[in-house]
Amino acid sequence: MTHYIAVIHKDRDSGYGVSFPDVPGVVTAADSIDEAIRNAAEVLAFAAEDWSELKGTAFPRPRTIDELRNDPGFNESAEGAVVAAVPFDLNVGQAA
């Protein structure tokens, strides 16, 4: 099993928002950080189910945290955020 890096933000008057630097457009939210991480795994699996059909490309491969740290865009989006590794079975996104 592999992991995707998730960026989790919380604004004062909102829940926890989760996004994935390697899977643009896939987001989720929750009232607690634990729920946000659970939702993150579910939304990744859901997005992978028909990604190839909808996007015309294979589901994006995850970068390591070291690779992401070399990406200025990631560093900017992760500032002030919780960064979490979300487990994911890559085979889910490869069925075609």
Protein backbone atom coordinates (compact mmCIF):
# COMPACT_ATOMS: atom_id res chain seq x y z
CA MET A 1 0.00 0.00 0.00
CA THR A 2 1.18 3.49 -0.77
CA HIS A 3 0.32 6.88 0.73
CA TYR A 4 -0.77 10.21 -0.68
CA ILE A 5 0.21 13.37 1.12
CA ALA A 6 -2.78 15.41 2.25
CA VAL A 7 -2.75 19.06 3.27
CA ILE A 8 -5.28 19.83 5.99
CA HIS A 9 -6.30 23.42 6.76
CA LYS A 10 -8.64 24.76 9.39
CA ASP A 11 -9.97 28.27 9.38
CA ARG A 12 -11.35 29.70 12.59
CA ASP A 13 -15.00 29.59 11.47
CA SER A 14 -14.98 26.39 9.41
CA GLY A 15 -14.22 22.70 9.49
CA TYR A 16 -11.07 20.94 8.37
CA GLY A 17 -10.47 21.09 4.61
CA VAL A 18 -8.32 18.44 2.94
CA SER A 19 -6.60 18.62 -0.43
CA PHE A 20 -3.98 16.51 -2.20
CA PRO A 21 -1.03 18.11 -4.02
CA ASP A 22 -0.78 15.13 -6.38
CA VAL A 23 -4.49 14.80 -7.13
CA PRO A 24 -5.76 18.23 -8.17
CA GLY A 25 -9.43 18.90 -7.63
CA VAL A 26 -9.93 16.12 -5.09
CA VAL A 27 -10.96 17.65 -1.77
CA THR A 28 -13.00 16.81 1.29
CA ALA A 29 -13.93 18.41 4.61
CA ALA A 30 -15.00 17.42 8.11
CA ASP A 31 -15.69 18.78 11.58
CA SER A 32 -12.75 16.97 13.22
CA ILE A 33 -9.25 16.16 12.07
CA ASP A 34 -9.81 12.43 12.61
CA GLU A 35 -12.92 12.52 10.46
CA ALA A 36 -11.07 14.56 7.84
CA ILE A 37 -8.36 11.91 7.53
CA ARG A 38 -10.96 9.12 7.27
CA ASN A 39 -12.80 11.10 4.61
CA ALA A 40 -9.53 11.70 2.78
CA ALA A 41 -8.99 7.97 2.26
CA GLU A 42 -12.57 7.55 1.06
CA VAL A 43 -12.47 10.48 -1.37
CA LEU A 44 -9.22 9.20 -2.90
CA ALA A 45 -10.77 5.78 -3.54
CA PHE A 46 -13.91 7.39 -4.99
CA ALA A 47 -11.90 9.68 -7.29
CA ALA A 48 -9.75 6.78 -8.53
CA GLU A 49 -12.75 4.64 -9.52
CA ASP A 50 -13.46 6.49 -12.75
CA TRP A 51 -10.51 8.89 -13.00
CA SER A 52 -9.19 7.38 -16.24
CA GLU A 53 -12.60 7.50 -17.87
CA LEU A 54 -13.27 11.10 -16.83
CA LYS A 55 -9.79 12.57 -17.18
CA GLY A 56 -8.34 10.39 -19.93
CA THR A 57 -5.20 9.71 -17.89
CA ALA A 58 -4.08 7.24 -15.26
CA PHE A 59 -4.70 8.16 -11.64
CA PRO A 60 -1.78 10.36 -10.54
CA ARG A 61 1.09 8.67 -8.74
CA PRO A 62 1.97 10.07 -5.33
CA ARG A 63 5.21 11.90 -4.70
CA THR A 64 7.20 11.33 -1.55
CA ILE A 65 7.26 13.98 1.14
CA ASP A 66 10.86 14.71 0.16
CA GLU A 67 9.83 15.30 -3.47
CA LEU A 68 6.99 17.54 -2.34
CA ARG A 69 9.28 19.57 -0.07
CA ASN A 70 11.27 20.48 -3.18
CA ASP A 71 8.10 21.90 -4.77
CA PRO A 72 7.60 25.59 -3.93
CA GLY A 73 3.86 25.28 -4.62
CA PHE A 74 3.55 22.54 -2.01
CA ASN A 75 5.53 24.54 0.54
CA GLU A 76 3.22 27.49 0.02
CA SER A 77 0.02 25.40 0.31
CA ALA A 78 1.33 23.52 3.36
CA GLU A 79 2.24 26.63 5.31
CA GLY A 80 0.20 26.61 8.52
CA ALA A 81 -1.37 23.27 7.63
CA VAL A 82 -1.27 19.78 9.02
CA VAL A 83 0.40 17.42 6.54
CA ALA A 84 -0.73 13.79 6.70
CA ALA A 85 0.05 10.58 4.81
CA VAL A 86 -3.22 8.96 3.69
CA PRO A 87 -3.07 5.23 2.84
CA PHE A 88 -4.28 4.24 -0.62
CA ASP A 89 -4.28 1.07 -2.73
CA LEU A 90 -2.94 2.13 -6.15
CA ASN A 91 -4.67 -0.83 -7.81
CA VAL A 92 -8.02 0.89 -7.26
CA GLY A 93 -7.19 3.53 -9.85
CA GLN A 94 -5.79 1.08 -12.42
CA ALA A 95 -8.90 -0.94 -13.26
CA ALA A 96 -9.87 -0.32 -16.87
